[in-house]
Amino acid sequence: MKTAHVKSSDVPVENIQEGLDRQILGYTKDLMLVRVEFKKGAEGYVHEHPHEQVTYVESGSFEVNLGGEKKILGAGDAFTILGGVEHGAVCLEDGVLIDTFSPMREDFIETE
């Protein structure tokens, strides 16, 4: 991706599983920004990856599991994940997570 202005209305939204829609809003080789909309009850299953991640809770309520430690987070909260740490989230109330990854998630754009 090049230097650019991004209008979210111009970016496709991809359904990645029941109750989860992902929108890749921008990336460089070292950084990626992704908006993920969750419906109540949807789960970002526990997984791990080598990328560092910082996530902002834009709206809703989530039970966030970081390395086996679970906490309830809501709008305005955030969490950080080092590469290789298992993590996941269960949506308790419809909401949106804003994910950033470093480096960018090549596996996300292979399907674009």
N, C-alpha and C. Protein backbone atom coordinates (compact mmCIF):
# COMPACT_ATOMS: atom_id res chain seq x y z
N MET A 1 0.84 -1.17 0.00
CA MET A 1 0.00 0.00 0.00
C MET A 1 0.89 1.24 0.00
N LYS A 2 0.43 2.28 -0.63
CA LYS A 2 1.16 3.54 -0.70
C LYS A 2 0.57 4.56 0.27
N THR A 3 1.22 5.69 0.41
CA THR A 3 0.68 6.78 1.22
C THR A 3 -0.65 7.18 0.61
N ALA A 4 -1.70 7.24 1.43
CA ALA A 4 -3.03 7.50 0.87
C ALA A 4 -4.00 7.93 1.95
N HIS A 5 -5.04 8.63 1.52
CA HIS A 5 -6.19 8.89 2.37
C HIS A 5 -7.12 7.69 2.20
N VAL A 6 -7.72 7.24 3.29
CA VAL A 6 -8.59 6.07 3.22
C VAL A 6 -9.97 6.45 3.74
N LYS A 7 -10.98 6.29 2.89
CA LYS A 7 -12.37 6.48 3.32
C LYS A 7 -12.94 5.09 3.58
N SER A 8 -13.39 4.86 4.80
CA SER A 8 -13.88 3.53 5.15
C SER A 8 -15.01 3.08 4.24
N SER A 9 -15.79 4.02 3.73
CA SER A 9 -16.89 3.67 2.83
C SER A 9 -16.40 3.10 1.50
N ASP A 10 -15.12 3.31 1.19
CA ASP A 10 -14.54 2.78 -0.05
C ASP A 10 -13.83 1.45 0.14
N VAL A 11 -13.73 0.98 1.39
CA VAL A 11 -12.98 -0.23 1.70
C VAL A 11 -13.95 -1.40 1.90
N PRO A 12 -13.72 -2.52 1.20
CA PRO A 12 -14.63 -3.65 1.36
C PRO A 12 -14.60 -4.23 2.77
N VAL A 13 -15.74 -4.76 3.18
CA VAL A 13 -15.88 -5.44 4.45
C VAL A 13 -16.00 -6.93 4.15
N GLU A 14 -15.20 -7.73 4.84
CA GLU A 14 -15.15 -9.17 4.61
C GLU A 14 -15.73 -9.90 5.81
N ASN A 15 -16.71 -10.77 5.57
CA ASN A 15 -17.23 -11.61 6.65
C ASN A 15 -16.23 -12.74 6.84
N ILE A 16 -15.63 -12.84 8.05
CA ILE A 16 -14.60 -13.85 8.28
C ILE A 16 -15.12 -15.06 9.04
N GLN A 17 -16.24 -14.89 9.72
CA GLN A 17 -16.94 -16.01 10.35
C GLN A 17 -18.27 -15.47 10.84
N GLU A 18 -19.14 -16.34 11.30
CA GLU A 18 -20.45 -15.91 11.78
C GLU A 18 -20.29 -14.83 12.86
N GLY A 19 -20.87 -13.65 12.60
CA GLY A 19 -20.85 -12.57 13.58
C GLY A 19 -19.61 -11.72 13.60
N LEU A 20 -18.66 -11.94 12.66
CA LEU A 20 -17.42 -11.15 12.60
C LEU A 20 -17.19 -10.64 11.18
N ASP A 21 -17.08 -9.32 11.07
CA ASP A 21 -16.77 -8.68 9.80
C ASP A 21 -15.48 -7.89 9.95
N ARG A 22 -14.57 -8.04 8.97
CA ARG A 22 -13.25 -7.39 9.04
C ARG A 22 -13.09 -6.41 7.89
N GLN A 23 -12.50 -5.26 8.22
CA GLN A 23 -12.22 -4.22 7.23
C GLN A 23 -10.77 -3.78 7.41
N ILE A 24 -9.95 -4.03 6.40
CA ILE A 24 -8.54 -3.64 6.44
C ILE A 24 -8.45 -2.19 5.97
N LEU A 25 -8.14 -1.29 6.90
CA LEU A 25 -8.17 0.14 6.60
C LEU A 25 -6.85 0.70 6.09
N GLY A 26 -5.77 -0.03 6.27
CA GLY A 26 -4.50 0.43 5.73
C GLY A 26 -3.35 -0.39 6.27
N TYR A 27 -2.26 -0.40 5.49
CA TYR A 27 -1.08 -1.12 5.95
C TYR A 27 0.15 -0.69 5.17
N THR A 28 1.27 -0.87 5.84
CA THR A 28 2.59 -0.79 5.22
C THR A 28 3.25 -2.12 5.54
N LYS A 29 4.49 -2.30 5.18
CA LYS A 29 5.13 -3.58 5.51
C LYS A 29 5.32 -3.76 7.01
N ASP A 30 5.34 -2.66 7.77
CA ASP A 30 5.61 -2.74 9.20
C ASP A 30 4.40 -2.52 10.10
N LEU A 31 3.25 -2.14 9.53
CA LEU A 31 2.11 -1.77 10.37
C LEU A 31 0.80 -2.01 9.61
N MET A 32 -0.24 -2.44 10.35
CA MET A 32 -1.55 -2.66 9.74
C MET A 32 -2.64 -2.20 10.69
N LEU A 33 -3.71 -1.61 10.14
CA LEU A 33 -4.87 -1.16 10.89
C LEU A 33 -6.10 -1.90 10.37
N VAL A 34 -6.83 -2.55 11.30
CA VAL A 34 -7.98 -3.38 10.92
C VAL A 34 -9.14 -3.08 11.85
N ARG A 35 -10.32 -2.91 11.29
CA ARG A 35 -11.56 -2.71 12.07
C ARG A 35 -12.33 -4.03 12.02
N VAL A 36 -12.72 -4.54 13.21
CA VAL A 36 -13.45 -5.80 13.28
C VAL A 36 -14.75 -5.56 14.03
N GLU A 37 -15.87 -5.80 13.34
CA GLU A 37 -17.19 -5.63 13.94
C GLU A 37 -17.68 -6.99 14.43
N PHE A 38 -18.09 -7.04 15.70
CA PHE A 38 -18.56 -8.27 16.33
C PHE A 38 -20.05 -8.15 16.65
N LYS A 39 -20.77 -9.22 16.47
CA LYS A 39 -22.13 -9.34 16.98
C LYS A 39 -22.06 -10.04 18.33
N LYS A 40 -23.01 -9.75 19.20
CA LYS A 40 -23.06 -10.37 20.52
C LYS A 40 -22.95 -11.89 20.39
N GLY A 41 -22.07 -12.49 21.18
CA GLY A 41 -21.86 -13.93 21.18
C GLY A 41 -20.77 -14.41 20.24
N ALA A 42 -20.37 -13.56 19.30
CA ALA A 42 -19.29 -13.95 18.37
C ALA A 42 -17.98 -14.05 19.14
N GLU A 43 -17.12 -14.92 18.65
CA GLU A 43 -15.86 -15.16 19.35
C GLU A 43 -14.68 -15.08 18.40
N GLY A 44 -13.69 -14.30 18.81
CA GLY A 44 -12.39 -14.35 18.17
C GLY A 44 -11.64 -15.45 18.90
N TYR A 45 -11.62 -16.63 18.31
CA TYR A 45 -11.11 -17.81 19.00
C TYR A 45 -9.66 -17.64 19.44
N VAL A 46 -9.30 -18.31 20.53
CA VAL A 46 -7.93 -18.24 21.06
C VAL A 46 -6.96 -18.71 19.98
N HIS A 47 -5.97 -17.89 19.73
CA HIS A 47 -4.96 -18.16 18.71
C HIS A 47 -3.69 -17.40 19.08
N GLU A 48 -2.66 -17.59 18.30
CA GLU A 48 -1.43 -16.82 18.48
C GLU A 48 -0.83 -16.56 17.11
N HIS A 49 0.01 -15.56 17.05
CA HIS A 49 0.73 -15.21 15.82
C HIS A 49 2.00 -14.47 16.23
N PRO A 50 2.96 -14.36 15.33
CA PRO A 50 4.23 -13.72 15.69
C PRO A 50 4.16 -12.19 15.74
N HIS A 51 3.06 -11.61 15.28
CA HIS A 51 2.92 -10.16 15.22
C HIS A 51 2.62 -9.57 16.58
N GLU A 52 3.15 -8.38 16.86
CA GLU A 52 2.73 -7.62 18.02
C GLU A 52 1.40 -6.97 17.67
N GLN A 53 0.55 -6.79 18.68
CA GLN A 53 -0.79 -6.28 18.42
C GLN A 53 -1.20 -5.34 19.55
N VAL A 54 -1.82 -4.22 19.15
CA VAL A 54 -2.48 -3.33 20.10
C VAL A 54 -3.90 -3.17 19.58
N THR A 55 -4.87 -3.36 20.49
CA THR A 55 -6.28 -3.29 20.10
C THR A 55 -7.01 -2.29 20.98
N TYR A 56 -7.82 -1.47 20.33
CA TYR A 56 -8.66 -0.47 20.98
C TYR A 56 -10.11 -0.91 20.89
N VAL A 57 -10.82 -0.87 22.00
CA VAL A 57 -12.24 -1.21 22.01
C VAL A 57 -13.02 0.06 21.66
N GLU A 58 -13.48 0.12 20.42
CA GLU A 58 -14.23 1.30 19.96
C GLU A 58 -15.62 1.34 20.58
N SER A 59 -16.26 0.17 20.64
CA SER A 59 -17.61 0.09 21.21
C SER A 59 -17.88 -1.33 21.67
N GLY A 60 -18.93 -1.50 22.46
CA GLY A 60 -19.33 -2.82 22.91
C GLY A 60 -18.61 -3.25 24.18
N SER A 61 -18.73 -4.55 24.46
CA SER A 61 -18.13 -5.14 25.64
C SER A 61 -17.59 -6.51 25.26
N PHE A 62 -16.38 -6.83 25.74
CA PHE A 62 -15.69 -8.05 25.36
C PHE A 62 -15.03 -8.70 26.57
N GLU A 63 -15.07 -10.03 26.62
CA GLU A 63 -14.25 -10.78 27.56
C GLU A 63 -12.97 -11.11 26.79
N VAL A 64 -11.87 -10.50 27.21
CA VAL A 64 -10.61 -10.63 26.50
C VAL A 64 -9.69 -11.58 27.26
N ASN A 65 -9.18 -12.57 26.57
CA ASN A 65 -8.28 -13.57 27.14
C ASN A 65 -6.87 -13.29 26.61
N LEU A 66 -5.98 -12.95 27.51
CA LEU A 66 -4.57 -12.71 27.14
C LEU A 66 -3.72 -13.70 27.92
N GLY A 67 -3.21 -14.70 27.24
CA GLY A 67 -2.35 -15.68 27.89
C GLY A 67 -3.04 -16.40 29.04
N GLY A 68 -4.36 -16.60 28.94
CA GLY A 68 -5.12 -17.30 29.97
C GLY A 68 -5.73 -16.39 31.02
N GLU A 69 -5.37 -15.12 31.04
CA GLU A 69 -5.97 -14.17 31.98
C GLU A 69 -7.11 -13.44 31.28
N LYS A 70 -8.31 -13.54 31.86
CA LYS A 70 -9.51 -12.95 31.25
C LYS A 70 -9.96 -11.71 32.02
N LYS A 71 -10.33 -10.68 31.25
CA LYS A 71 -10.89 -9.44 31.83
C LYS A 71 -11.98 -8.94 30.90
N ILE A 72 -12.94 -8.25 31.48
CA ILE A 72 -14.00 -7.61 30.70
C ILE A 72 -13.54 -6.20 30.35
N LEU A 73 -13.56 -5.88 29.05
CA LEU A 73 -13.17 -4.56 28.59
C LEU A 73 -14.30 -3.95 27.79
N GLY A 74 -14.43 -2.62 27.87
CA GLY A 74 -15.48 -1.92 27.15
C GLY A 74 -14.94 -0.73 26.38
N ALA A 75 -15.86 0.03 25.82
CA ALA A 75 -15.50 1.17 24.97
C ALA A 75 -14.47 2.06 25.66
N GLY A 76 -13.43 2.39 24.92
CA GLY A 76 -12.36 3.24 25.43
C GLY A 76 -11.19 2.47 26.02
N ASP A 77 -11.36 1.17 26.27
CA ASP A 77 -10.28 0.35 26.81
C ASP A 77 -9.40 -0.18 25.67
N ALA A 78 -8.27 -0.75 26.02
CA ALA A 78 -7.35 -1.29 25.02
C ALA A 78 -6.59 -2.46 25.62
N PHE A 79 -5.92 -3.23 24.76
CA PHE A 79 -5.04 -4.29 25.23
C PHE A 79 -3.88 -4.47 24.27
N THR A 80 -2.77 -4.95 24.80
CA THR A 80 -1.57 -5.18 24.01
C THR A 80 -1.19 -6.65 24.09
N ILE A 81 -0.63 -7.14 22.99
CA ILE A 81 -0.26 -8.55 22.90
C ILE A 81 1.11 -8.65 22.25
N LEU A 82 2.02 -9.32 22.93
CA LEU A 82 3.32 -9.61 22.33
C LEU A 82 3.18 -10.78 21.38
N GLY A 83 4.05 -10.87 20.40
CA GLY A 83 4.02 -11.99 19.47
C GLY A 83 4.16 -13.31 20.22
N GLY A 84 3.40 -14.32 19.77
CA GLY A 84 3.49 -15.66 20.34
C GLY A 84 2.63 -15.88 21.57
N VAL A 85 1.89 -14.87 22.03
CA VAL A 85 1.02 -15.03 23.20
C VAL A 85 -0.39 -15.41 22.73
N GLU A 86 -0.93 -16.50 23.31
CA GLU A 86 -2.29 -16.89 22.97
C GLU A 86 -3.28 -15.84 23.46
N HIS A 87 -4.29 -15.55 22.63
CA HIS A 87 -5.28 -14.55 22.97
C HIS A 87 -6.58 -14.78 22.20
N GLY A 88 -7.65 -14.22 22.71
CA GLY A 88 -8.94 -14.31 22.06
C GLY A 88 -9.91 -13.37 22.74
N ALA A 89 -11.12 -13.25 22.16
CA ALA A 89 -12.13 -12.36 22.73
C ALA A 89 -13.52 -12.90 22.43
N VAL A 90 -14.40 -12.78 23.42
CA VAL A 90 -15.80 -13.12 23.25
C VAL A 90 -16.60 -11.83 23.37
N CYS A 91 -17.46 -11.58 22.40
CA CYS A 91 -18.26 -10.36 22.39
C CYS A 91 -19.47 -10.53 23.29
N LEU A 92 -19.56 -9.68 24.32
CA LEU A 92 -20.67 -9.73 25.27
C LEU A 92 -21.81 -8.78 24.89
N GLU A 93 -21.49 -7.79 24.06
CA GLU A 93 -22.43 -6.79 23.60
C GLU A 93 -21.91 -6.32 22.25
N ASP A 94 -22.77 -6.26 21.21
CA ASP A 94 -22.31 -5.85 19.88
C ASP A 94 -21.24 -4.77 20.00
N GLY A 95 -20.16 -4.91 19.22
CA GLY A 95 -19.10 -3.93 19.34
C GLY A 95 -18.09 -3.99 18.22
N VAL A 96 -17.11 -3.12 18.33
CA VAL A 96 -16.05 -2.98 17.33
C VAL A 96 -14.70 -2.93 18.02
N LEU A 97 -13.76 -3.71 17.49
CA LEU A 97 -12.37 -3.65 17.91
C LEU A 97 -11.54 -3.06 16.78
N ILE A 98 -10.61 -2.18 17.11
CA ILE A 98 -9.66 -1.62 16.16
C ILE A 98 -8.31 -2.26 16.46
N ASP A 99 -7.85 -3.11 15.55
CA ASP A 99 -6.60 -3.84 15.73
C ASP A 99 -5.47 -3.17 14.95
N THR A 100 -4.30 -3.10 15.57
CA THR A 100 -3.09 -2.72 14.86
C THR A 100 -2.09 -3.86 15.02
N PHE A 101 -1.36 -4.13 13.96
CA PHE A 101 -0.39 -5.22 13.95
C PHE A 101 0.95 -4.72 13.44
N SER A 102 2.02 -5.25 14.03
CA SER A 102 3.36 -4.99 13.53
C SER A 102 4.15 -6.29 13.57
N PRO A 103 4.74 -6.71 12.45
CA PRO A 103 4.53 -6.14 11.13
C PRO A 103 3.12 -6.45 10.62
N MET A 104 2.81 -5.99 9.44
CA MET A 104 1.47 -6.21 8.88
C MET A 104 1.19 -7.70 8.73
N ARG A 105 -0.09 -8.05 8.72
CA ARG A 105 -0.53 -9.44 8.60
C ARG A 105 -0.66 -9.80 7.13
N GLU A 106 0.38 -10.39 6.56
CA GLU A 106 0.33 -10.80 5.17
C GLU A 106 -0.80 -11.79 4.92
N ASP A 107 -1.09 -12.64 5.92
CA ASP A 107 -2.15 -13.63 5.76
C ASP A 107 -3.52 -12.95 5.57
N PHE A 108 -3.72 -11.74 6.03
CA PHE A 108 -4.97 -11.04 5.85
C PHE A 108 -5.16 -10.55 4.43
N ILE A 109 -4.08 -10.17 3.75
CA ILE A 109 -4.23 -9.61 2.41
C ILE A 109 -4.13 -10.65 1.31
N GLU A 110 -3.74 -11.87 1.65
CA GLU A 110 -3.68 -12.93 0.63
C GLU A 110 -5.04 -13.22 0.05
N THR A 111 -6.12 -12.90 0.81
CA THR A 111 -7.47 -13.17 0.32
C THR A 111 -8.10 -11.97 -0.34
N GLU A 112 -7.41 -10.83 -0.36
CA GLU A 112 -7.97 -9.62 -1.00
C GLU A 112 -8.02 -9.78 -2.49
